[in-house]
Amino acid sequence: MSDRETLIEFPSRFPIKVMGEAHPELMQAVEACVAEHVPDAGDAVIQQRASSGGRFVGITITFTATSQDQLDGLYQALGRCDRVRMIL
Protein backbone atom coordinates (compact mmCIF):
# COMPACT_ATOMS: atom_id res chain seq x y z
CA MET A 1 0.00 0.00 0.00
CA SER A 2 1.16 3.49 -0.76
CA ASP A 3 1.60 6.10 1.99
CA ARG A 4 0.97 9.07 -0.27
CA GLU A 5 -2.14 11.14 0.18
CA THR A 6 -5.16 10.89 -2.09
CA LEU A 7 -8.43 12.78 -2.31
CA ILE A 8 -10.36 9.59 -3.06
CA GLU A 9 -11.96 7.63 -0.24
CA PHE A 10 -11.59 3.90 -0.73
CA PRO A 11 -13.39 1.72 -1.51
CA SER A 12 -15.11 3.83 -4.16
CA ARG A 13 -16.87 3.29 -7.48
CA PHE A 14 -14.49 4.78 -10.02
CA PRO A 15 -14.85 5.36 -13.78
CA ILE A 16 -11.91 5.31 -16.18
CA LYS A 17 -12.38 6.38 -19.79
CA VAL A 18 -10.18 4.97 -22.54
CA MET A 19 -10.14 6.09 -26.15
CA GLY A 20 -8.54 4.55 -29.21
CA GLU A 21 -9.07 3.55 -32.81
CA ALA A 22 -11.93 1.12 -33.35
CA HIS A 23 -10.26 -2.28 -33.45
CA PRO A 24 -11.12 -5.57 -31.71
CA GLU A 25 -7.65 -5.64 -30.12
CA LEU A 26 -8.45 -2.45 -28.18
CA MET A 27 -11.30 -4.05 -26.23
CA GLN A 28 -9.28 -7.24 -25.72
CA ALA A 29 -6.36 -5.23 -24.29
CA VAL A 30 -8.63 -3.20 -22.00
CA GLU A 31 -10.37 -6.33 -20.72
CA ALA A 32 -6.99 -7.99 -20.04
CA CYS A 33 -5.80 -4.96 -18.04
CA VAL A 34 -9.02 -4.90 -16.03
CA ALA A 35 -8.78 -8.64 -15.32
CA GLU A 36 -5.23 -8.12 -14.03
CA HIS A 37 -6.05 -5.21 -11.71
CA VAL A 38 -9.67 -5.76 -10.61
CA PRO A 39 -9.85 -8.97 -8.56
CA ASP A 40 -13.66 -9.29 -8.68
CA ALA A 41 -14.37 -9.65 -12.40
CA GLY A 42 -18.11 -9.26 -11.81
CA ASP A 43 -17.56 -5.84 -10.24
CA ALA A 44 -16.24 -4.14 -13.40
CA VAL A 45 -18.71 -2.75 -15.91
CA ILE A 46 -17.17 -2.07 -19.32
CA GLN A 47 -19.16 -0.03 -21.82
CA GLN A 48 -18.12 0.79 -25.37
CA ARG A 49 -19.32 3.58 -27.64
CA ALA A 50 -18.24 4.25 -31.22
CA SER A 51 -17.58 7.75 -32.50
CA SER A 52 -20.01 9.25 -35.00
CA GLY A 53 -17.66 8.39 -37.86
CA GLY A 54 -16.96 4.92 -36.52
CA ARG A 55 -13.17 5.36 -36.63
CA PHE A 56 -12.70 5.70 -32.87
CA VAL A 57 -14.22 4.09 -29.80
CA GLY A 58 -14.61 5.24 -26.23
CA ILE A 59 -14.58 2.67 -23.45
CA THR A 60 -15.75 3.40 -19.91
CA ILE A 61 -14.62 1.05 -17.15
CA THR A 62 -16.46 1.45 -13.84
CA PHE A 63 -15.37 -0.62 -10.86
CA THR A 64 -14.90 -0.47 -7.11
CA ALA A 65 -11.39 0.86 -6.56
CA THR A 66 -9.85 -0.35 -3.31
CA SER A 67 -6.60 1.67 -3.25
CA GLN A 68 -4.54 4.33 -5.01
CA ASP A 69 -2.00 1.62 -5.88
CA GLN A 70 -4.71 -0.33 -7.69
CA LEU A 71 -5.72 2.75 -9.70
CA ASP A 72 -2.10 3.57 -10.52
CA GLY A 73 -1.45 0.02 -11.68
CA LEU A 74 -4.52 -0.03 -13.94
CA TYR A 75 -3.70 3.38 -15.46
CA GLN A 76 -0.11 2.27 -16.12
CA ALA A 77 -1.20 -1.03 -17.67
CA LEU A 78 -3.69 0.75 -19.94
CA GLY A 79 -1.00 3.26 -20.91
CA ARG A 80 1.24 0.43 -22.14
CA CYS A 81 -1.44 -0.78 -24.60
CA ASP A 82 -0.51 0.13 -28.18
CA ARG A 83 -4.11 0.66 -29.26
CA VAL A 84 -4.97 3.07 -26.40
CA ARG A 85 -4.66 6.73 -27.44
CA MET A 86 -6.00 8.50 -24.34
CA ILE A 87 -6.95 7.67 -20.76
CA LEU A 88 -9.07 9.93 -18.56
PDB file of N, CA and C in Angstrom:
ATOM      1  N   MET A   1       0.838  -1.183   0.000  1.00  0.00           N
ATOM      2  CA  MET A   1       0.000   0.000   0.000  1.00  0.00           C
ATOM      3  C   MET A   1       0.879   1.241   0.000  1.00  0.00           C
ATOM      4  N   SER A   2       0.426   2.238  -0.662  1.00  0.00           N
ATOM      5  CA  SER A   2       1.158   3.494  -0.757  1.00  0.00           C
ATOM      6  C   SER A   2       0.816   4.402   0.421  1.00  0.00           C
ATOM      7  N   ASP A   3       1.820   5.168   0.893  1.00  0.00           N
ATOM      8  CA  ASP A   3       1.603   6.102   1.990  1.00  0.00           C
ATOM      9  C   ASP A   3       1.251   7.503   1.498  1.00  0.00           C
ATOM     10  N   ARG A   4       1.256   7.724   0.218  1.00  0.00           N
ATOM     11  CA  ARG A   4       0.967   9.071  -0.273  1.00  0.00           C
ATOM     12  C   ARG A   4      -0.505   9.401  -0.126  1.00  0.00           C
ATOM     13  N   GLU A   5      -0.772  10.689  -0.039  1.00  0.00           N
ATOM     14  CA  GLU A   5      -2.143  11.141   0.178  1.00  0.00           C
ATOM     15  C   GLU A   5      -2.945  11.086  -1.118  1.00  0.00           C
ATOM     16  N   THR A   6      -4.241  10.894  -0.959  1.00  0.00           N
ATOM     17  CA  THR A   6      -5.157  10.891  -2.092  1.00  0.00           C
ATOM     18  C   THR A   6      -6.453  11.566  -1.657  1.00  0.00           C
ATOM     19  N   LEU A   7      -7.153  12.130  -2.607  1.00  0.00           N
ATOM     20  CA  LEU A   7      -8.429  12.775  -2.311  1.00  0.00           C
ATOM     21  C   LEU A   7      -9.601  11.809  -2.437  1.00  0.00           C
ATOM     22  N   ILE A   8      -9.321  10.600  -2.855  1.00  0.00           N
ATOM     23  CA  ILE A   8     -10.356   9.593  -3.056  1.00  0.00           C
ATOM     24  C   ILE A   8     -10.486   8.752  -1.789  1.00  0.00           C
ATOM     25  N   GLU A   9     -11.714   8.529  -1.366  1.00  0.00           N
ATOM     26  CA  GLU A   9     -11.964   7.631  -0.240  1.00  0.00           C
ATOM     27  C   GLU A   9     -12.199   6.230  -0.791  1.00  0.00           C
ATOM     28  N   PHE A  10     -11.471   5.281  -0.268  1.00  0.00           N
ATOM     29  CA  PHE A  10     -11.586   3.904  -0.733  1.00  0.00           C
ATOM     30  C   PHE A  10     -12.308   3.069   0.303  1.00  0.00           C
ATOM     31  N   PRO A  11     -13.065   2.055  -0.130  1.00  0.00           N
ATOM     32  CA  PRO A  11     -13.389   1.722  -1.513  1.00  0.00           C
ATOM     33  C   PRO A  11     -14.359   2.726  -2.123  1.00  0.00           C
ATOM     34  N   SER A  12     -14.283   2.864  -3.447  1.00  0.00           N
ATOM     35  CA  SER A  12     -15.114   3.832  -4.157  1.00  0.00           C
ATOM     36  C   SER A  12     -15.353   3.370  -5.584  1.00  0.00           C
ATOM     37  N   ARG A  13     -16.595   3.562  -6.066  1.00  0.00           N
ATOM     38  CA  ARG A  13     -16.873   3.290  -7.484  1.00  0.00           C
ATOM     39  C   ARG A  13     -16.116   4.322  -8.288  1.00  0.00           C
ATOM     40  N   PHE A  14     -15.377   3.886  -9.293  1.00  0.00           N
ATOM     41  CA  PHE A  14     -14.490   4.779 -10.020  1.00  0.00           C
ATOM     42  C   PHE A  14     -14.588   4.511 -11.516  1.00  0.00           C
ATOM     43  N   PRO A  15     -14.823   5.548 -12.322  1.00  0.00           N
ATOM     44  CA  PRO A  15     -14.854   5.363 -13.777  1.00  0.00           C
ATOM     45  C   PRO A  15     -13.512   5.751 -14.407  1.00  0.00           C
ATOM     46  N   ILE A  16     -13.084   4.980 -15.374  1.00  0.00           N
ATOM     47  CA  ILE A  16     -11.914   5.313 -16.183  1.00  0.00           C
ATOM     48  C   ILE A  16     -12.375   5.292 -17.629  1.00  0.00           C
ATOM     49  N   LYS A  17     -12.019   6.322 -18.380  1.00  0.00           N
ATOM     50  CA  LYS A  17     -12.375   6.382 -19.792  1.00  0.00           C
ATOM     51  C   LYS A  17     -11.126   6.162 -20.636  1.00  0.00           C
ATOM     52  N   VAL A  18     -11.270   5.310 -21.630  1.00  0.00           N
ATOM     53  CA  VAL A  18     -10.179   4.969 -22.535  1.00  0.00           C
ATOM     54  C   VAL A  18     -10.655   5.251 -23.953  1.00  0.00           C
ATOM     55  N   MET A  19      -9.778   5.843 -24.760  1.00  0.00           N
ATOM     56  CA  MET A  19     -10.136   6.094 -26.149  1.00  0.00           C
ATOM     57  C   MET A  19      -9.057   5.558 -27.079  1.00  0.00           C
ATOM     58  N   GLY A  20      -9.480   5.070 -28.223  1.00  0.00           N
ATOM     59  CA  GLY A  20      -8.545   4.550 -29.215  1.00  0.00           C
ATOM     60  C   GLY A  20      -9.258   4.304 -30.526  1.00  0.00           C
ATOM     61  N   GLU A  21      -8.481   3.873 -31.514  1.00  0.00           N
ATOM     62  CA  GLU A  21      -9.068   3.551 -32.811  1.00  0.00           C
ATOM     63  C   GLU A  21      -9.913   2.290 -32.679  1.00  0.00           C
ATOM     64  N   ALA A  22     -11.015   2.267 -33.404  1.00  0.00           N
ATOM     65  CA  ALA A  22     -11.928   1.121 -33.354  1.00  0.00           C
ATOM     66  C   ALA A  22     -11.216  -0.105 -33.925  1.00  0.00           C
ATOM     67  N   HIS A  23     -10.932  -1.047 -33.064  1.00  0.00           N
ATOM     68  CA  HIS A  23     -10.263  -2.283 -33.452  1.00  0.00           C
ATOM     69  C   HIS A  23     -10.541  -3.307 -32.358  1.00  0.00           C
ATOM     70  N   PRO A  24     -10.819  -4.558 -32.724  1.00  0.00           N
ATOM     71  CA  PRO A  24     -11.120  -5.573 -31.711  1.00  0.00           C
ATOM     72  C   PRO A  24     -10.007  -5.724 -30.669  1.00  0.00           C
ATOM     73  N   GLU A  25      -8.757  -5.495 -31.057  1.00  0.00           N
ATOM     74  CA  GLU A  25      -7.645  -5.637 -30.120  1.00  0.00           C
ATOM     75  C   GLU A  25      -7.706  -4.609 -28.990  1.00  0.00           C
ATOM     76  N   LEU A  26      -8.329  -3.456 -29.226  1.00  0.00           N
ATOM     77  CA  LEU A  26      -8.445  -2.446 -28.179  1.00  0.00           C
ATOM     78  C   LEU A  26      -9.269  -2.993 -27.020  1.00  0.00           C
ATOM     79  N   MET A  27     -10.440  -3.527 -27.295  1.00  0.00           N
ATOM     80  CA  MET A  27     -11.298  -4.051 -26.233  1.00  0.00           C
ATOM     81  C   MET A  27     -10.631  -5.245 -25.552  1.00  0.00           C
ATOM     82  N   GLN A  28      -9.973  -6.095 -26.312  1.00  0.00           N
ATOM     83  CA  GLN A  28      -9.279  -7.240 -25.718  1.00  0.00           C
ATOM     84  C   GLN A  28      -8.189  -6.778 -24.755  1.00  0.00           C
ATOM     85  N   ALA A  29      -7.432  -5.755 -25.132  1.00  0.00           N
ATOM     86  CA  ALA A  29      -6.359  -5.232 -24.288  1.00  0.00           C
ATOM     87  C   ALA A  29      -6.923  -4.603 -23.018  1.00  0.00           C
ATOM     88  N   VAL A  30      -8.000  -3.835 -23.163  1.00  0.00           N
ATOM     89  CA  VAL A  30      -8.628  -3.196 -22.005  1.00  0.00           C
ATOM     90  C   VAL A  30      -9.161  -4.265 -21.052  1.00  0.00           C
ATOM     91  N   GLU A  31      -9.838  -5.265 -21.564  1.00  0.00           N
ATOM     92  CA  GLU A  31     -10.374  -6.334 -20.721  1.00  0.00           C
ATOM     93  C   GLU A  31      -9.255  -7.084 -19.998  1.00  0.00           C
ATOM     94  N   ALA A  32      -8.118  -7.299 -20.666  1.00  0.00           N
ATOM     95  CA  ALA A  32      -6.992  -7.988 -20.035  1.00  0.00           C
ATOM     96  C   ALA A  32      -6.424  -7.150 -18.894  1.00  0.00           C
ATOM     97  N   CYS A  33      -6.298  -5.843 -19.090  1.00  0.00           N
ATOM     98  CA  CYS A  33      -5.804  -4.957 -18.035  1.00  0.00           C
ATOM     99  C   CYS A  33      -6.740  -4.951 -16.835  1.00  0.00           C
ATOM    100  N   VAL A  34      -8.032  -4.895 -17.103  1.00  0.00           N
ATOM    101  CA  VAL A  34      -9.023  -4.896 -16.026  1.00  0.00           C
ATOM    102  C   VAL A  34      -8.950  -6.216 -15.266  1.00  0.00           C
ATOM    103  N   ALA A  35      -8.854  -7.323 -15.966  1.00  0.00           N
ATOM    104  CA  ALA A  35      -8.783  -8.638 -15.315  1.00  0.00           C
ATOM    105  C   ALA A  35      -7.550  -8.737 -14.413  1.00  0.00           C
ATOM    106  N   GLU A  36      -6.473  -8.085 -14.805  1.00  0.00           N
ATOM    107  CA  GLU A  36      -5.232  -8.124 -14.027  1.00  0.00           C
ATOM    108  C   GLU A  36      -5.318  -7.278 -12.757  1.00  0.00           C
ATOM    109  N   HIS A  37      -6.067  -6.179 -12.805  1.00  0.00           N
ATOM    110  CA  HIS A  37      -6.052  -5.214 -11.708  1.00  0.00           C
ATOM    111  C   HIS A  37      -7.346  -5.125 -10.891  1.00  0.00           C
ATOM    112  N   VAL A  38      -8.402  -5.767 -11.355  1.00  0.00           N
ATOM    113  CA  VAL A  38      -9.671  -5.763 -10.611  1.00  0.00           C
ATOM    114  C   VAL A  38      -9.968  -7.216 -10.233  1.00  0.00           C
ATOM    115  N   PRO A  39      -9.721  -7.570  -8.972  1.00  0.00           N
ATOM    116  CA  PRO A  39      -9.848  -8.972  -8.563  1.00  0.00           C
ATOM    117  C   PRO A  39     -11.237  -9.577  -8.756  1.00  0.00           C
ATOM    118  N   ASP A  40     -12.285  -8.787  -8.529  1.00  0.00           N
ATOM    119  CA  ASP A  40     -13.656  -9.289  -8.678  1.00  0.00           C
ATOM    120  C   ASP A  40     -14.145  -8.952 -10.083  1.00  0.00           C
ATOM    121  N   ALA A  41     -14.020  -9.893 -10.995  1.00  0.00           N
ATOM    122  CA  ALA A  41     -14.372  -9.654 -12.397  1.00  0.00           C
ATOM    123  C   ALA A  41     -15.813  -9.192 -12.573  1.00  0.00           C
ATOM    124  N   GLY A  42     -16.712  -9.644 -11.714  1.00  0.00           N
ATOM    125  CA  GLY A  42     -18.115  -9.258 -11.810  1.00  0.00           C
ATOM    126  C   GLY A  42     -18.378  -7.827 -11.377  1.00  0.00           C
ATOM    127  N   ASP A  43     -17.400  -7.206 -10.731  1.00  0.00           N
ATOM    128  CA  ASP A  43     -17.557  -5.838 -10.242  1.00  0.00           C
ATOM    129  C   ASP A  43     -17.372  -4.807 -11.353  1.00  0.00           C
ATOM    130  N   ALA A  44     -16.553  -5.105 -12.333  1.00  0.00           N
ATOM    131  CA  ALA A  44     -16.243  -4.142 -13.395  1.00  0.00           C
ATOM    132  C   ALA A  44     -17.324  -4.136 -14.470  1.00  0.00           C
ATOM    133  N   VAL A  45     -17.772  -2.937 -14.808  1.00  0.00           N
ATOM    134  CA  VAL A  45     -18.714  -2.749 -15.910  1.00  0.00           C
ATOM    135  C   VAL A  45     -17.941  -2.037 -17.016  1.00  0.00           C
ATOM    136  N   ILE A  46     -17.902  -2.647 -18.203  1.00  0.00           N
ATOM    137  CA  ILE A  46     -17.169  -2.071 -19.321  1.00  0.00           C
ATOM    138  C   ILE A  46     -18.166  -1.765 -20.428  1.00  0.00           C
ATOM    139  N   GLN A  47     -18.243  -0.471 -20.776  1.00  0.00           N
ATOM    140  CA  GLN A  47     -19.163  -0.030 -21.823  1.00  0.00           C
ATOM    141  C   GLN A  47     -18.360   0.567 -22.966  1.00  0.00           C
ATOM    142  N   GLN A  48     -18.824   0.316 -24.174  1.00  0.00           N
ATOM    143  CA  GLN A  48     -18.120   0.788 -25.369  1.00  0.00           C
ATOM    144  C   GLN A  48     -19.052   1.638 -26.210  1.00  0.00           C
ATOM    145  N   ARG A  49     -18.519   2.725 -26.767  1.00  0.00           N
ATOM    146  CA  ARG A  49     -19.323   3.581 -27.637  1.00  0.00           C
ATOM    147  C   ARG A  49     -18.469   4.057 -28.805  1.00  0.00           C
ATOM    148  N   ALA A  50     -18.962   3.841 -30.016  1.00  0.00           N
ATOM    149  CA  ALA A  50     -18.243   4.248 -31.219  1.00  0.00           C
ATOM    150  C   ALA A  50     -18.447   5.734 -31.485  1.00  0.00           C
ATOM    151  N   SER A  51     -17.452   6.350 -32.102  1.00  0.00           N
ATOM    152  CA  SER A  51     -17.580   7.751 -32.496  1.00  0.00           C
ATOM    153  C   SER A  51     -18.575   7.857 -33.649  1.00  0.00           C
ATOM    154  N   SER A  52     -19.001   9.073 -33.942  1.00  0.00           N
ATOM    155  CA  SER A  52     -20.008   9.248 -34.998  1.00  0.00           C
ATOM    156  C   SER A  52     -19.509   8.751 -36.352  1.00  0.00           C
ATOM    157  N   GLY A  53     -18.220   8.863 -36.600  1.00  0.00           N
ATOM    158  CA  GLY A  53     -17.663   8.392 -37.864  1.00  0.00           C
ATOM    159  C   GLY A  53     -17.272   6.922 -37.828  1.00  0.00           C
ATOM    160  N   GLY A  54     -17.275   6.329 -36.654  1.00  0.00           N
ATOM    161  CA  GLY A  54     -16.959   4.923 -36.517  1.00  0.00           C
ATOM    162  C   GLY A  54     -15.470   4.600 -36.490  1.00  0.00           C
ATOM    163  N   ARG A  55     -14.615   5.607 -36.597  1.00  0.00           N
ATOM    164  CA  ARG A  55     -13.174   5.356 -36.625  1.00  0.00           C
ATOM    165  C   ARG A  55     -12.592   5.147 -35.223  1.00  0.00           C
ATOM    166  N   PHE A  56     -13.202   5.782 -34.245  1.00  0.00           N
ATOM    167  CA  PHE A  56     -12.705   5.698 -32.870  1.00  0.00           C
ATOM    168  C   PHE A  56     -13.764   5.097 -31.954  1.00  0.00           C
ATOM    169  N   VAL A  57     -13.301   4.653 -30.788  1.00  0.00           N
ATOM    170  CA  VAL A  57     -14.215   4.091 -29.800  1.00  0.00           C
ATOM    171  C   VAL A  57     -13.815   4.616 -28.424  1.00  0.00           C
ATOM    172  N   GLY A  58     -14.836   4.875 -27.617  1.00  0.00           N
ATOM    173  CA  GLY A  58     -14.613   5.240 -26.230  1.00  0.00           C
ATOM    174  C   GLY A  58     -15.076   4.096 -25.355  1.00  0.00           C
ATOM    175  N   ILE A  59     -14.264   3.765 -24.366  1.00  0.00           N
ATOM    176  CA  ILE A  59     -14.585   2.672 -23.451  1.00  0.00           C
ATOM    177  C   ILE A  59     -14.593   3.238 -22.037  1.00  0.00           C
ATOM    178  N   THR A  60     -15.665   2.983 -21.303  1.00  0.00           N
ATOM    179  CA  THR A  60     -15.749   3.401 -19.909  1.00  0.00           C
ATOM    180  C   THR A  60     -15.723   2.154 -19.038  1.00  0.00           C
ATOM    181  N   ILE A  61     -14.763   2.141 -18.105  1.00  0.00           N
ATOM    182  CA  ILE A  61     -14.622   1.049 -17.150  1.00  0.00           C
ATOM    183  C   ILE A  61     -15.038   1.605 -15.793  1.00  0.00           C
ATOM    184  N   THR A  62     -16.030   1.025 -15.174  1.00  0.00           N
ATOM    185  CA  THR A  62     -16.462   1.454 -13.844  1.00  0.00           C
ATOM    186  C   THR A  62     -16.328   0.256 -12.908  1.00  0.00           C
ATOM    187  N   PHE A  63     -15.621   0.463 -11.798  1.00  0.00           N
ATOM    188  CA  PHE A  63     -15.370  -0.623 -10.856  1.00  0.00           C
ATOM    189  C   PHE A  63     -15.178  -0.039  -9.463  1.00  0.00           C
ATOM    190  N   THR A  64     -15.142  -0.907  -8.479  1.00  0.00           N
ATOM    191  CA  THR A  64     -14.899  -0.472  -7.107  1.00  0.00           C
ATOM    192  C   THR A  64     -13.401  -0.476  -6.858  1.00  0.00           C
ATOM    193  N   ALA A  65     -12.816   0.720  -6.826  1.00  0.00           N
ATOM    194  CA  ALA A  65     -11.389   0.860  -6.561  1.00  0.00           C
ATOM    195  C   ALA A  65     -11.152   0.689  -5.066  1.00  0.00           C
ATOM    196  N   THR A  66     -10.133  -0.074  -4.725  1.00  0.00           N
ATOM    197  CA  THR A  66      -9.852  -0.346  -3.314  1.00  0.00           C
ATOM    198  C   THR A  66      -8.626   0.395  -2.793  1.00  0.00           C
ATOM    199  N   SER A  67      -7.796   0.947  -3.696  1.00  0.00           N
ATOM    200  CA  SER A  67      -6.603   1.672  -3.251  1.00  0.00           C
ATOM    201  C   SER A  67      -6.051   2.532  -4.383  1.00  0.00           C
ATOM    202  N   GLN A  68      -5.219   3.502  -4.007  1.00  0.00           N
ATOM    203  CA  GLN A  68      -4.544   4.329  -5.010  1.00  0.00           C
ATOM    204  C   GLN A  68      -3.565   3.480  -5.824  1.00  0.00           C
ATOM    205  N   ASP A  69      -2.922   2.513  -5.170  1.00  0.00           N
ATOM    206  CA  ASP A  69      -1.999   1.621  -5.881  1.00  0.00           C
ATOM    207  C   ASP A  69      -2.719   0.832  -6.976  1.00  0.00           C
ATOM    208  N   GLN A  70      -3.940   0.392  -6.691  1.00  0.00           N
ATOM    209  CA  GLN A  70      -4.714  -0.333  -7.689  1.00  0.00           C
ATOM    210  C   GLN A  70      -5.008   0.574  -8.886  1.00  0.00           C
ATOM    211  N   LEU A  71      -5.439   1.806  -8.617  1.00  0.00           N
ATOM    212  CA  LEU A  71      -5.717   2.751  -9.695  1.00  0.00           C
ATOM    213  C   LEU A  71      -4.458   3.033 -10.513  1.00  0.00           C
ATOM    214  N   ASP A  72      -3.358   3.288  -9.823  1.00  0.00           N
ATOM    215  CA  ASP A  72      -2.101   3.573 -10.518  1.00  0.00           C
ATOM    216  C   ASP A  72      -1.697   2.410 -11.412  1.00  0.00           C
ATOM    217  N   GLY A  73      -1.813   1.200 -10.900  1.00  0.00           N
ATOM    218  CA  GLY A  73      -1.454   0.019 -11.681  1.00  0.00           C
ATOM    219  C   GLY A  73      -2.309  -0.136 -12.919  1.00  0.00           C
ATOM    220  N   LEU A  74      -3.614   0.099 -12.784  1.00  0.00           N
ATOM    221  CA  LEU A  74      -4.517  -0.026 -13.937  1.00  0.00           C
ATOM    222  C   LEU A  74      -4.223   1.056 -14.971  1.00  0.00           C
ATOM    223  N   TYR A  75      -4.038   2.302 -14.525  1.00  0.00           N
ATOM    224  CA  TYR A  75      -3.695   3.380 -15.456  1.00  0.00           C
ATOM    225  C   TYR A  75      -2.393   3.074 -16.197  1.00  0.00           C
ATOM    226  N   GLN A  76      -1.393   2.583 -15.488  1.00  0.00           N
ATOM    227  CA  GLN A  76      -0.111   2.270 -16.115  1.00  0.00           C
ATOM    228  C   GLN A  76      -0.246   1.132 -17.119  1.00  0.00           C
ATOM    229  N   ALA A  77      -0.998   0.102 -16.761  1.00  0.00           N
ATOM    230  CA  ALA A  77      -1.204  -1.027 -17.671  1.00  0.00           C
ATOM    231  C   ALA A  77      -1.931  -0.576 -18.935  1.00  0.00           C
ATOM    232  N   LEU A  78      -2.965   0.247 -18.773  1.00  0.00           N
ATOM    233  CA  LEU A  78      -3.693   0.752 -19.943  1.00  0.00           C
ATOM    234  C   LEU A  78      -2.783   1.626 -20.805  1.00  0.00           C
ATOM    235  N   GLY A  79      -1.921   2.395 -20.181  1.00  0.00           N
ATOM    236  CA  GLY A  79      -0.997   3.263 -20.908  1.00  0.00           C
ATOM    237  C   GLY A  79       0.015   2.497 -21.740  1.00  0.00           C
ATOM    238  N   ARG A  80       0.297   1.260 -21.377  1.00  0.00           N
ATOM    239  CA  ARG A  80       1.239   0.434 -22.136  1.00  0.00           C
ATOM    240  C   ARG A  80       0.592  -0.224 -23.356  1.00  0.00           C
ATOM    241  N   CYS A  81      -0.735  -0.163 -23.471  1.00  0.00           N
ATOM    242  CA  CYS A  81      -1.443  -0.782 -24.603  1.00  0.00           C
ATOM    243  C   CYS A  81      -1.245   0.056 -25.866  1.00  0.00           C
ATOM    244  N   ASP A  82      -0.770  -0.582 -26.928  1.00  0.00           N
ATOM    245  CA  ASP A  82      -0.509   0.126 -28.176  1.00  0.00           C
ATOM    246  C   ASP A  82      -1.753   0.774 -28.782  1.00  0.00           C
ATOM    247  N   ARG A  83      -2.889   0.163 -28.621  1.00  0.00           N
ATOM    248  CA  ARG A  83      -4.114   0.660 -29.256  1.00  0.00           C
ATOM    249  C   ARG A  83      -4.759   1.822 -28.472  1.00  0.00           C
ATOM    250  N   VAL A  84      -4.389   2.005 -27.216  1.00  0.00           N
ATOM    251  CA  VAL A  84      -4.967   3.075 -26.402  1.00  0.00           C
ATOM    252  C   VAL A  84      -4.325   4.398 -26.775  1.00  0.00           C
ATOM    253  N   ARG A  85      -5.157   5.399 -27.070  1.00  0.00           N
ATOM    254  CA  ARG A  85      -4.657   6.731 -27.441  1.00  0.00           C
ATOM    255  C   ARG A  85      -4.775   7.732 -26.303  1.00  0.00           C
ATOM    256  N   MET A  86      -5.776   7.547 -25.422  1.00  0.00           N
ATOM    257  CA  MET A  86      -5.998   8.499 -24.339  1.00  0.00           C
ATOM    258  C   MET A  86      -6.695   7.800 -23.175  1.00  0.00           C
ATOM    259  N   ILE A  87      -6.319   8.203 -21.959  1.00  0.00           N
ATOM    260  CA  ILE A  87      -6.948   7.665 -20.757  1.00  0.00           C
ATOM    261  C   ILE A  87      -7.352   8.848 -19.883  1.00  0.00           C
ATOM    262  N   LEU A  88      -8.592   8.864 -19.451  1.00  0.00           N
ATOM    263  CA  LEU A  88      -9.069   9.926 -18.558  1.00  0.00           C
ATOM    264  C   LEU A  88      -9.576   9.313 -17.265  1.00  0.00           C
TER     265      LEU A  88
END
